[in-house]
Amino acid sequence: MAGWYEVSESAKGQFRFVLKAGNGEIILTSELYKTKASALNGIASVRTNCASDERYEKKEAENGKFYFNLKAANHEVIGTSQMYASKGSRDDGIASVKANGAATTTKEVV
C-alpha cells in the first residue's frame, strides 16, 4: 500500500501535515502553517525534494536519539521525523520518506 498525506487543523486554527507510510505509521511531520494552502504547498515541497539525498539533514538529539529534517532547496525545514533509537533506524526512516514522499493522496483529518 502506498503512503499518503494527512492535513489537519489545530485547535488554534493552524494547519499541519504528516506523511504516513503504507502501514499508517507517521514518517514526517510538518511545522504549523497559518493557512491550509501553505500546508498544501509544504506537501508539494516534500514531493519535489524527497528523492534528493542532499535534502536530508541527519541529527542527534541531546538525549542520544536520532532524527532527520527534510529541507527545501532554500534550506528551510519542510518536515521532521520522529525520534529513532539508532542511526540505522533513522536511515530507514529516510528511505521510507523517499519511497512514500511522492504520494499523490492527501486526506483531510477533521
PDB file of N, CA and C in Angstrom:
ATOM      1  N   MET A   1       0.845  -1.189   0.000  1.00  0.00           N
ATOM      2  CA  MET A   1       0.000   0.000   0.000  1.00  0.00           C
ATOM      3  C   MET A   1       0.884   1.243   0.000  1.00  0.00           C
ATOM      4  N   ALA A   2       0.524   2.187  -0.801  1.00  0.00           N
ATOM      5  CA  ALA A   2       1.292   3.424  -0.917  1.00  0.00           C
ATOM      6  C   ALA A   2       1.021   4.352   0.271  1.00  0.00           C
ATOM      7  N   GLY A   3       1.960   5.246   0.507  1.00  0.00           N
ATOM      8  CA  GLY A   3       1.803   6.229   1.569  1.00  0.00           C
ATOM      9  C   GLY A   3       0.827   7.320   1.178  1.00  0.00           C
ATOM     10  N   TRP A   4       0.557   8.220   2.125  1.00  0.00           N
ATOM     11  CA  TRP A   4      -0.340   9.340   1.878  1.00  0.00           C
ATOM     12  C   TRP A   4      -0.044  10.472   2.854  1.00  0.00           C
ATOM     13  N   TYR A   5      -0.628  11.613   2.557  1.00  0.00           N
ATOM     14  CA  TYR A   5      -0.518  12.786   3.415  1.00  0.00           C
ATOM     15  C   TYR A   5      -1.834  12.997   4.146  1.00  0.00           C
ATOM     16  N   GLU A   6      -1.740  13.486   5.366  1.00  0.00           N
ATOM     17  CA  GLU A   6      -2.917  13.909   6.107  1.00  0.00           C
ATOM     18  C   GLU A   6      -2.711  15.352   6.530  1.00  0.00           C
ATOM     19  N   VAL A   7      -3.719  16.181   6.282  1.00  0.00           N
ATOM     20  CA  VAL A   7      -3.698  17.581   6.675  1.00  0.00           C
ATOM     21  C   VAL A   7      -4.732  17.759   7.780  1.00  0.00           C
ATOM     22  N   SER A   8      -4.328  18.421   8.860  1.00  0.00           N
ATOM     23  CA  SER A   8      -5.251  18.647   9.969  1.00  0.00           C
ATOM     24  C   SER A   8      -5.132  20.081  10.463  1.00  0.00           C
ATOM     25  N   GLU A   9      -6.180  20.517  11.135  1.00  0.00           N
ATOM     26  CA  GLU A   9      -6.221  21.869  11.694  1.00  0.00           C
ATOM     27  C   GLU A   9      -6.107  21.764  13.212  1.00  0.00           C
ATOM     28  N   SER A  10      -5.261  22.595  13.786  1.00  0.00           N
ATOM     29  CA  SER A  10      -5.077  22.602  15.244  1.00  0.00           C
ATOM     30  C   SER A  10      -6.226  23.354  15.906  1.00  0.00           C
ATOM     31  N   ALA A  11      -6.296  23.255  17.212  1.00  0.00           N
ATOM     32  CA  ALA A  11      -7.325  23.948  17.976  1.00  0.00           C
ATOM     33  C   ALA A  11      -7.226  25.467  17.807  1.00  0.00           C
ATOM     34  N   LYS A  12      -6.041  25.949  17.462  1.00  0.00           N
ATOM     35  CA  LYS A  12      -5.832  27.388  17.294  1.00  0.00           C
ATOM     36  C   LYS A  12      -5.971  27.829  15.839  1.00  0.00           C
ATOM     37  N   GLY A  13      -6.494  26.947  14.974  1.00  0.00           N
ATOM     38  CA  GLY A  13      -6.760  27.325  13.596  1.00  0.00           C
ATOM     39  C   GLY A  13      -5.558  27.284  12.669  1.00  0.00           C
ATOM     40  N   GLN A  14      -4.475  26.630  13.095  1.00  0.00           N
ATOM     41  CA  GLN A  14      -3.322  26.467  12.225  1.00  0.00           C
ATOM     42  C   GLN A  14      -3.361  25.067  11.616  1.00  0.00           C
ATOM     43  N   PHE A  15      -2.555  24.865  10.565  1.00  0.00           N
ATOM     44  CA  PHE A  15      -2.587  23.610   9.828  1.00  0.00           C
ATOM     45  C   PHE A  15      -1.217  22.943   9.834  1.00  0.00           C
ATOM     46  N   ARG A  16      -1.240  21.611   9.779  1.00  0.00           N
ATOM     47  CA  ARG A  16      -0.004  20.841   9.648  1.00  0.00           C
ATOM     48  C   ARG A  16      -0.313  19.632   8.793  1.00  0.00           C
ATOM     49  N   PHE A  17       0.739  19.039   8.260  1.00  0.00           N
ATOM     50  CA  PHE A  17       0.562  17.786   7.547  1.00  0.00           C
ATOM     51  C   PHE A  17       1.515  16.755   8.100  1.00  0.00           C
ATOM     52  N   VAL A  18       1.130  15.508   7.926  1.00  0.00           N
ATOM     53  CA  VAL A  18       2.011  14.383   8.215  1.00  0.00           C
ATOM     54  C   VAL A  18       2.061  13.520   6.970  1.00  0.00           C
ATOM     55  N   LEU A  19       3.194  12.899   6.756  1.00  0.00           N
ATOM     56  CA  LEU A  19       3.343  11.892   5.714  1.00  0.00           C
ATOM     57  C   LEU A  19       3.301  10.540   6.407  1.00  0.00           C
ATOM     58  N   LYS A  20       2.416   9.676   5.935  1.00  0.00           N
ATOM     59  CA  LYS A  20       2.295   8.341   6.511  1.00  0.00           C
ATOM     60  C   LYS A  20       2.763   7.305   5.509  1.00  0.00           C
ATOM     61  N   ALA A  21       3.435   6.286   6.023  1.00  0.00           N
ATOM     62  CA  ALA A  21       3.847   5.150   5.200  1.00  0.00           C
ATOM     63  C   ALA A  21       2.614   4.293   4.909  1.00  0.00           C
ATOM     64  N   GLY A  22       2.770   3.349   4.015  1.00  0.00           N
ATOM     65  CA  GLY A  22       1.666   2.474   3.647  1.00  0.00           C
ATOM     66  C   GLY A  22       1.052   1.727   4.815  1.00  0.00           C
ATOM     67  N   ASN A  23       1.823   1.515   5.891  1.00  0.00           N
ATOM     68  CA  ASN A  23       1.314   0.819   7.076  1.00  0.00           C
ATOM     69  C   ASN A  23       0.641   1.781   8.066  1.00  0.00           C
ATOM     70  N   GLY A  24       0.531   3.072   7.692  1.00  0.00           N
ATOM     71  CA  GLY A  24      -0.137   4.054   8.538  1.00  0.00           C
ATOM     72  C   GLY A  24       0.759   4.746   9.543  1.00  0.00           C
ATOM     73  N   GLU A  25       2.036   4.378   9.594  1.00  0.00           N
ATOM     74  CA  GLU A  25       2.970   4.981  10.535  1.00  0.00           C
ATOM     75  C   GLU A  25       3.395   6.370  10.052  1.00  0.00           C
ATOM     76  N   ILE A  26       3.417   7.342  10.951  1.00  0.00           N
ATOM     77  CA  ILE A  26       3.857   8.702  10.609  1.00  0.00           C
ATOM     78  C   ILE A  26       5.368   8.685  10.407  1.00  0.00           C
ATOM     79  N   ILE A  27       5.814   9.198   9.253  1.00  0.00           N
ATOM     80  CA  ILE A  27       7.251   9.211   8.973  1.00  0.00           C
ATOM     81  C   ILE A  27       7.811  10.622   8.817  1.00  0.00           C
ATOM     82  N   LEU A  28       6.933  11.630   8.703  1.00  0.00           N
ATOM     83  CA  LEU A  28       7.391  13.019   8.603  1.00  0.00           C
ATOM     84  C   LEU A  28       6.267  13.927   9.075  1.00  0.00           C
ATOM     85  N   THR A  29       6.609  14.932   9.874  1.00  0.00           N
ATOM     86  CA  THR A  29       5.630  15.889  10.402  1.00  0.00           C
ATOM     87  C   THR A  29       6.086  17.297  10.063  1.00  0.00           C
ATOM     88  N   SER A  30       5.150  18.112   9.597  1.00  0.00           N
ATOM     89  CA  SER A  30       5.488  19.491   9.235  1.00  0.00           C
ATOM     90  C   SER A  30       5.396  20.413  10.443  1.00  0.00           C
ATOM     91  N   GLU A  31       5.830  21.636  10.215  1.00  0.00           N
ATOM     92  CA  GLU A  31       5.609  22.701  11.179  1.00  0.00           C
ATOM     93  C   GLU A  31       4.142  23.112  11.083  1.00  0.00           C
ATOM     94  N   LEU A  32       3.723  24.048  11.941  1.00  0.00           N
ATOM     95  CA  LEU A  32       2.379  24.607  11.842  1.00  0.00           C
ATOM     96  C   LEU A  32       2.379  25.736  10.812  1.00  0.00           C
ATOM     97  N   TYR A  33       1.343  25.758   9.999  1.00  0.00           N
ATOM     98  CA  TYR A  33       1.165  26.796   8.981  1.00  0.00           C
ATOM     99  C   TYR A  33      -0.076  27.615   9.312  1.00  0.00           C
ATOM    100  N   LYS A  34      -0.084  28.874   8.909  1.00  0.00           N
ATOM    101  CA  LYS A  34      -1.230  29.741   9.184  1.00  0.00           C
ATOM    102  C   LYS A  34      -2.428  29.416   8.306  1.00  0.00           C
ATOM    103  N   THR A  35      -2.184  28.869   7.112  1.00  0.00           N
ATOM    104  CA  THR A  35      -3.283  28.564   6.197  1.00  0.00           C
ATOM    105  C   THR A  35      -3.172  27.134   5.674  1.00  0.00           C
ATOM    106  N   LYS A  36      -4.301  26.610   5.266  1.00  0.00           N
ATOM    107  CA  LYS A  36      -4.318  25.275   4.663  1.00  0.00           C
ATOM    108  C   LYS A  36      -3.535  25.287   3.359  1.00  0.00           C
ATOM    109  N   ALA A  37      -3.638  26.364   2.599  1.00  0.00           N
ATOM    110  CA  ALA A  37      -2.903  26.471   1.330  1.00  0.00           C
ATOM    111  C   ALA A  37      -1.398  26.360   1.568  1.00  0.00           C
ATOM    112  N   SER A  38      -0.908  26.954   2.633  1.00  0.00           N
ATOM    113  CA  SER A  38       0.525  26.868   2.946  1.00  0.00           C
ATOM    114  C   SER A  38       0.921  25.433   3.289  1.00  0.00           C
ATOM    115  N   ALA A  39       0.063  24.724   4.015  1.00  0.00           N
ATOM    116  CA  ALA A  39       0.342  23.316   4.329  1.00  0.00           C
ATOM    117  C   ALA A  39       0.383  22.489   3.043  1.00  0.00           C
ATOM    118  N   LEU A  40      -0.531  22.765   2.132  1.00  0.00           N
ATOM    119  CA  LEU A  40      -0.540  22.047   0.850  1.00  0.00           C
ATOM    120  C   LEU A  40       0.711  22.368   0.030  1.00  0.00           C
ATOM    121  N   ASN A  41       1.185  23.599   0.121  1.00  0.00           N
ATOM    122  CA  ASN A  41       2.457  23.951  -0.538  1.00  0.00           C
ATOM    123  C   ASN A  41       3.617  23.183   0.088  1.00  0.00           C
ATOM    124  N   GLY A  42       3.560  22.967   1.397  1.00  0.00           N
ATOM    125  CA  GLY A  42       4.579  22.170   2.075  1.00  0.00           C
ATOM    126  C   GLY A  42       4.596  20.738   1.558  1.00  0.00           C
ATOM    127  N   ILE A  43       3.418  20.178   1.327  1.00  0.00           N
ATOM    128  CA  ILE A  43       3.323  18.825   0.771  1.00  0.00           C
ATOM    129  C   ILE A  43       3.956  18.793  -0.616  1.00  0.00           C
ATOM    130  N   ALA A  44       3.661  19.788  -1.427  1.00  0.00           N
ATOM    131  CA  ALA A  44       4.254  19.867  -2.765  1.00  0.00           C
ATOM    132  C   ALA A  44       5.773  19.933  -2.676  1.00  0.00           C
ATOM    133  N   SER A  45       6.283  20.628  -1.663  1.00  0.00           N
ATOM    134  CA  SER A  45       7.729  20.740  -1.481  1.00  0.00           C
ATOM    135  C   SER A  45       8.339  19.394  -1.081  1.00  0.00           C
ATOM    136  N   VAL A  46       7.629  18.616  -0.254  1.00  0.00           N
ATOM    137  CA  VAL A  46       8.120  17.273   0.079  1.00  0.00           C
ATOM    138  C   VAL A  46       8.222  16.451  -1.198  1.00  0.00           C
ATOM    139  N   ARG A  47       7.172  16.488  -2.002  1.00  0.00           N
ATOM    140  CA  ARG A  47       7.174  15.715  -3.247  1.00  0.00           C
ATOM    141  C   ARG A  47       8.360  16.092  -4.133  1.00  0.00           C
ATOM    142  N   THR A  48       8.681  17.376  -4.173  1.00  0.00           N
ATOM    143  CA  THR A  48       9.781  17.868  -5.002  1.00  0.00           C
ATOM    144  C   THR A  48      11.148  17.470  -4.460  1.00  0.00           C
ATOM    145  N   ASN A  49      11.299  17.479  -3.155  1.00  0.00           N
ATOM    146  CA  ASN A  49      12.622  17.344  -2.540  1.00  0.00           C
ATOM    147  C   ASN A  49      12.946  15.980  -1.940  1.00  0.00           C
ATOM    148  N   CYS A  50      11.966  15.104  -1.791  1.00  0.00           N
ATOM    149  CA  CYS A  50      12.183  13.868  -1.027  1.00  0.00           C
ATOM    150  C   CYS A  50      13.161  12.892  -1.671  1.00  0.00           C
ATOM    151  N   ALA A  51      13.371  12.963  -2.966  1.00  0.00           N
ATOM    152  CA  ALA A  51      14.253  11.995  -3.628  1.00  0.00           C
ATOM    153  C   ALA A  51      15.735  12.361  -3.539  1.00  0.00           C
ATOM    154  N   SER A  52      16.047  13.572  -3.118  1.00  0.00           N
ATOM    155  CA  SER A  52      17.435  14.063  -3.121  1.00  0.00           C
ATOM    156  C   SER A  52      18.119  13.850  -1.773  1.00  0.00           C
ATOM    157  N   ASP A  53      19.184  13.052  -1.780  1.00  0.00           N
ATOM    158  CA  ASP A  53      19.929  12.778  -0.547  1.00  0.00           C
ATOM    159  C   ASP A  53      20.378  14.046   0.164  1.00  0.00           C
ATOM    160  N   GLU A  54      20.789  15.046  -0.615  1.00  0.00           N
ATOM    161  CA  GLU A  54      21.329  16.265  -0.003  1.00  0.00           C
ATOM    162  C   GLU A  54      20.273  17.090   0.722  1.00  0.00           C
ATOM    163  N   ARG A  55      19.006  16.735   0.594  1.00  0.00           N
ATOM    164  CA  ARG A  55      17.927  17.472   1.272  1.00  0.00           C
ATOM    165  C   ARG A  55      17.697  16.967   2.701  1.00  0.00           C
ATOM    166  N   TYR A  56      18.357  15.880   3.063  1.00  0.00           N
ATOM    167  CA  TYR A  56      18.159  15.298   4.394  1.00  0.00           C
ATOM    168  C   TYR A  56      19.282  15.725   5.325  1.00  0.00           C
ATOM    169  N   GLU A  57      18.894  16.284   6.455  1.00  0.00           N
ATOM    170  CA  GLU A  57      19.841  16.688   7.486  1.00  0.00           C
ATOM    171  C   GLU A  57      19.711  15.683   8.639  1.00  0.00           C
ATOM    172  N   LYS A  58      20.736  14.880   8.823  1.00  0.00           N
ATOM    173  CA  LYS A  58      20.733  13.863   9.878  1.00  0.00           C
ATOM    174  C   LYS A  58      21.197  14.505  11.177  1.00  0.00           C
ATOM    175  N   LYS A  59      20.418  14.269  12.251  1.00  0.00           N
ATOM    176  CA  LYS A  59      20.689  14.935  13.520  1.00  0.00           C
ATOM    177  C   LYS A  59      20.690  13.929  14.664  1.00  0.00           C
ATOM    178  N   GLU A  60      21.328  14.344  15.765  1.00  0.00           N
ATOM    179  CA  GLU A  60      21.266  13.591  17.009  1.00  0.00           C
ATOM    180  C   GLU A  60      20.789  14.534  18.098  1.00  0.00           C
ATOM    181  N   ALA A  61      19.753  14.122  18.822  1.00  0.00           N
ATOM    182  CA  ALA A  61      19.195  14.941  19.898  1.00  0.00           C
ATOM    183  C   ALA A  61      20.073  14.838  21.145  1.00  0.00           C
ATOM    184  N   GLU A  62      19.874  15.750  22.064  1.00  0.00           N
ATOM    185  CA  GLU A  62      20.648  15.763  23.304  1.00  0.00           C
ATOM    186  C   GLU A  62      20.453  14.476  24.114  1.00  0.00           C
ATOM    187  N   ASN A  63      19.316  13.803  23.940  1.00  0.00           N
ATOM    188  CA  ASN A  63      19.036  12.581  24.688  1.00  0.00           C
ATOM    189  C   ASN A  63      19.626  11.337  24.026  1.00  0.00           C
ATOM    190  N   GLY A  64      20.417  11.532  22.945  1.00  0.00           N
ATOM    191  CA  GLY A  64      21.059  10.416  22.275  1.00  0.00           C
ATOM    192  C   GLY A  64      20.216   9.740  21.203  1.00  0.00           C
ATOM    193  N   LYS A  65      18.994  10.224  20.985  1.00  0.00           N
ATOM    194  CA  LYS A  65      18.136   9.679  19.932  1.00  0.00           C
ATOM    195  C   LYS A  65      18.505  10.346  18.604  1.00  0.00           C
ATOM    196  N   PHE A  66      18.092   9.721  17.507  1.00  0.00           N
ATOM    197  CA  PHE A  66      18.435  10.192  16.174  1.00  0.00           C
ATOM    198  C   PHE A  66      17.171  10.592  15.414  1.00  0.00           C
ATOM    199  N   TYR A  67      17.299  11.620  14.573  1.00  0.00           N
ATOM    200  CA  TYR A  67      16.181  12.074  13.758  1.00  0.00           C
ATOM    201  C   TYR A  67      16.728  12.783  12.532  1.00  0.00           C
ATOM    202  N   PHE A  68      15.839  13.210  11.659  1.00  0.00           N
ATOM    203  CA  PHE A  68      16.265  13.949  10.478  1.00  0.00           C
ATOM    204  C   PHE A  68      15.256  15.034  10.130  1.00  0.00           C
ATOM    205  N   ASN A  69      15.751  16.027   9.425  1.00  0.00           N
ATOM    206  CA  ASN A  69      14.919  17.061   8.830  1.00  0.00           C
ATOM    207  C   ASN A  69      15.013  16.922   7.320  1.00  0.00           C
ATOM    208  N   LEU A  70      13.887  17.122   6.650  1.00  0.00           N
ATOM    209  CA  LEU A  70      13.880  17.241   5.196  1.00  0.00           C
ATOM    210  C   LEU A  70      13.835  18.724   4.895  1.00  0.00           C
ATOM    211  N   LYS A  71      14.789  19.194   4.094  1.00  0.00           N
ATOM    212  CA  LYS A  71      14.890  20.617   3.794  1.00  0.00           C
ATOM    213  C   LYS A  71      14.640  20.887   2.318  1.00  0.00           C
ATOM    214  N   ALA A  72      14.106  22.069   2.049  1.00  0.00           N
ATOM    215  CA  ALA A  72      13.899  22.523   0.679  1.00  0.00           C
ATOM    216  C   ALA A  72      15.212  23.069   0.125  1.00  0.00           C
ATOM    217  N   ALA A  73      15.215  23.409  -1.150  1.00  0.00           N
ATOM    218  CA  ALA A  73      16.417  23.950  -1.791  1.00  0.00           C
ATOM    219  C   ALA A  73      16.900  25.232  -1.110  1.00  0.00           C
ATOM    220  N   ASN A  74      15.978  25.980  -0.490  1.00  0.00           N
ATOM    221  CA  ASN A  74      16.349  27.227   0.198  1.00  0.00           C
ATOM    222  C   ASN A  74      16.808  26.966   1.641  1.00  0.00           C
ATOM    223  N   HIS A  75      16.982  25.688   2.003  1.00  0.00           N
ATOM    224  CA  HIS A  75      17.468  25.240   3.310  1.00  0.00           C
ATOM    225  C   HIS A  75      16.448  25.378   4.435  1.00  0.00           C
ATOM    226  N   GLU A  76      15.186  25.694   4.100  1.00  0.00           N
ATOM    227  CA  GLU A  76      14.127  25.739   5.109  1.00  0.00           C
ATOM    228  C   GLU A  76      13.654  24.322   5.402  1.00  0.00           C
ATOM    229  N   VAL A  77      13.381  24.026   6.664  1.00  0.00           N
ATOM    230  CA  VAL A  77      12.893  22.707   7.047  1.00  0.00           C
ATOM    231  C   VAL A  77      11.452  22.546   6.566  1.00  0.00           C
ATOM    232  N   ILE A  78      11.201  21.459   5.853  1.00  0.00           N
ATOM    233  CA  ILE A  78       9.852  21.132   5.385  1.00  0.00           C
ATOM    234  C   ILE A  78       9.162  20.232   6.405  1.00  0.00           C
ATOM    235  N   GLY A  79       9.916  19.268   6.927  1.00  0.00           N
ATOM    236  CA  GLY A  79       9.349  18.327   7.880  1.00  0.00           C
ATOM    237  C   GLY A  79      10.427  17.676   8.713  1.00  0.00           C
ATOM    238  N   THR A  80      10.007  17.125   9.840  1.00  0.00           N
ATOM    239  CA  THR A  80      10.915  16.488  10.797  1.00  0.00           C
ATOM    240  C   THR A  80      10.404  15.084  11.100  1.00  0.00           C
ATOM    241  N   SER A  81      11.335  14.171  11.260  1.00  0.00           N
ATOM    242  CA  SER A  81      10.973  12.783  11.561  1.00  0.00           C
ATOM    243  C   SER A  81      10.675  12.620  13.040  1.00  0.00           C
ATOM    244  N   GLN A  82      10.283  11.424  13.387  1.00  0.00           N
ATOM    245  CA  GLN A  82      10.179  11.023  14.781  1.00  0.00           C
ATOM    246  C   GLN A  82      11.589  10.773  15.315  1.00  0.00           C
ATOM    247  N   MET A  83      11.712  10.464  16.587  1.00  0.00           N
ATOM    248  CA  MET A  83      12.990  10.099  17.172  1.00  0.00           C
ATOM    249  C   MET A  83      13.215   8.601  17.000  1.00  0.00           C
ATOM    250  N   TYR A  84      14.445   8.235  16.684  1.00  0.00           N
ATOM    251  CA  TYR A  84      14.814   6.840  16.481  1.00  0.00           C
ATOM    252  C   TYR A  84      15.897   6.447  17.476  1.00  0.00           C
ATOM    253  N   ALA A  85      15.933   5.175  17.845  1.00  0.00           N
ATOM    254  CA  ALA A  85      16.911   4.678  18.807  1.00  0.00           C
ATOM    255  C   ALA A  85      18.303   4.523  18.206  1.00  0.00           C
ATOM    256  N   SER A  86      18.383   4.358  16.880  1.00  0.00           N
ATOM    257  CA  SER A  86      19.682   4.128  16.251  1.00  0.00           C
ATOM    258  C   SER A  86      19.802   4.904  14.942  1.00  0.00           C
ATOM    259  N   LYS A  87      21.038   5.077  14.495  1.00  0.00           N
ATOM    260  CA  LYS A  87      21.279   5.721  13.206  1.00  0.00           C
ATOM    261  C   LYS A  87      20.674   4.892  12.080  1.00  0.00           C
ATOM    262  N   GLY A  88      20.767   3.573  12.191  1.00  0.00           N
ATOM    263  CA  GLY A  88      20.209   2.699  11.165  1.00  0.00           C
ATOM    264  C   GLY A  88      18.709   2.857  11.026  1.00  0.00           C
ATOM    265  N   SER A  89      18.016   2.969  12.155  1.00  0.00           N
ATOM    266  CA  SER A  89      16.566   3.176  12.123  1.00  0.00           C
ATOM    267  C   SER A  89      16.233   4.522  11.488  1.00  0.00           C
ATOM    268  N   ARG A  90      17.026   5.544  11.817  1.00  0.00           N
ATOM    269  CA  ARG A  90      16.831   6.861  11.214  1.00  0.00           C
ATOM    270  C   ARG A  90      17.013   6.778   9.706  1.00  0.00           C
ATOM    271  N   ASP A  91      18.035   6.072   9.267  1.00  0.00           N
ATOM    272  CA  ASP A  91      18.281   5.938   7.834  1.00  0.00           C
ATOM    273  C   ASP A  91      17.153   5.167   7.148  1.00  0.00           C
ATOM    274  N   ASP A  92      16.563   4.200   7.853  1.00  0.00           N
ATOM    275  CA  ASP A  92      15.387   3.505   7.322  1.00  0.00           C
ATOM    276  C   ASP A  92      14.214   4.474   7.191  1.00  0.00           C
ATOM    277  N   GLY A  93      14.094   5.410   8.130  1.00  0.00           N
ATOM    278  CA  GLY A  93      13.049   6.435   8.059  1.00  0.00           C
ATOM    279  C   GLY A  93      13.228   7.323   6.838  1.00  0.00           C
ATOM    280  N   ILE A  94      14.469   7.692   6.550  1.00  0.00           N
ATOM    281  CA  ILE A  94      14.755   8.484   5.356  1.00  0.00           C
ATOM    282  C   ILE A  94      14.363   7.710   4.102  1.00  0.00           C
ATOM    283  N   ALA A  95      14.710   6.426   4.065  1.00  0.00           N
ATOM    284  CA  ALA A  95      14.347   5.588   2.918  1.00  0.00           C
ATOM    285  C   ALA A  95      12.829   5.530   2.754  1.00  0.00           C
ATOM    286  N   SER A  96      12.104   5.497   3.865  1.00  0.00           N
ATOM    287  CA  SER A  96      10.647   5.462   3.805  1.00  0.00           C
ATOM    288  C   SER A  96      10.077   6.769   3.257  1.00  0.00           C
ATOM    289  N   VAL A  97      10.655   7.903   3.655  1.00  0.00           N
ATOM    290  CA  VAL A  97      10.201   9.185   3.102  1.00  0.00           C
ATOM    291  C   VAL A  97      10.488   9.223   1.601  1.00  0.00           C
ATOM    292  N   LYS A  98      11.655   8.740   1.203  1.00  0.00           N
ATOM    293  CA  LYS A  98      11.979   8.692  -0.229  1.00  0.00           C
ATOM    294  C   LYS A  98      10.973   7.833  -0.991  1.00  0.00           C
ATOM    295  N   ALA A  99      10.587   6.706  -0.392  1.00  0.00           N
ATOM    296  CA  ALA A  99       9.668   5.779  -1.049  1.00  0.00           C
ATOM    297  C   ALA A  99       8.230   6.288  -1.070  1.00  0.00           C
ATOM    298  N   ASN A 100       7.825   7.040  -0.047  1.00  0.00           N
ATOM    299  CA  ASN A 100       6.430   7.456   0.095  1.00  0.00           C
ATOM    300  C   ASN A 100       6.173   8.932  -0.179  1.00  0.00           C
ATOM    301  N   GLY A 101       7.236   9.725  -0.270  1.00  0.00           N
ATOM    302  CA  GLY A 101       7.076  11.174  -0.384  1.00  0.00           C
ATOM    303  C   GLY A 101       6.399  11.651  -1.661  1.00  0.00           C
ATOM    304  N   ALA A 102       6.476  10.874  -2.708  1.00  0.00           N
ATOM    305  CA  ALA A 102       5.845  11.273  -3.968  1.00  0.00           C
ATOM    306  C   ALA A 102       4.354  10.933  -4.001  1.00  0.00           C
ATOM    307  N   ALA A 103       3.822  10.431  -2.896  1.00  0.00           N
ATOM    308  CA  ALA A 103       2.413  10.039  -2.820  1.00  0.00           C
ATOM    309  C   ALA A 103       1.516  11.188  -3.296  1.00  0.00           C
ATOM    310  N   THR A 104       0.465  10.824  -3.990  1.00  0.00           N
ATOM    311  CA  THR A 104      -0.450  11.836  -4.526  1.00  0.00           C
ATOM    312  C   THR A 104      -1.740  11.930  -3.716  1.00  0.00           C
ATOM    313  N   THR A 105      -1.943  11.022  -2.775  1.00  0.00           N
ATOM    314  CA  THR A 105      -3.161  11.040  -1.971  1.00  0.00           C
ATOM    315  C   THR A 105      -2.989  11.971  -0.773  1.00  0.00           C
ATOM    316  N   THR A 106      -3.944  12.887  -0.608  1.00  0.00           N
ATOM    317  CA  THR A 106      -3.968  13.779   0.538  1.00  0.00           C
ATOM    318  C   THR A 106      -5.345  13.677   1.188  1.00  0.00           C
ATOM    319  N   LYS A 107      -5.352  13.384   2.481  1.00  0.00           N
ATOM    320  CA  LYS A 107      -6.611  13.249   3.226  1.00  0.00           C
ATOM    321  C   LYS A 107      -6.702  14.378   4.238  1.00  0.00           C
ATOM    322  N   GLU A 108      -7.920  14.875   4.441  1.00  0.00           N
ATOM    323  CA  GLU A 108      -8.142  15.883   5.463  1.00  0.00           C
ATOM    324  C   GLU A 108      -8.656  15.181   6.719  1.00  0.00           C
ATOM    325  N   VAL A 109      -8.065  15.526   7.849  1.00  0.00           N
ATOM    326  CA  VAL A 109      -8.473  14.968   9.123  1.00  0.00           C
ATOM    327  C   VAL A 109      -9.243  16.051   9.861  1.00  0.00           C
ATOM    328  N   VAL A 110     -10.452  15.727  10.269  1.00  0.00           N
ATOM    329  CA  VAL A 110     -11.284  16.715  10.980  1.00  0.00           C
ATOM    330  C   VAL A 110     -11.446  16.365  12.427  1.00  0.00           C
TER     331      VAL A 110
END
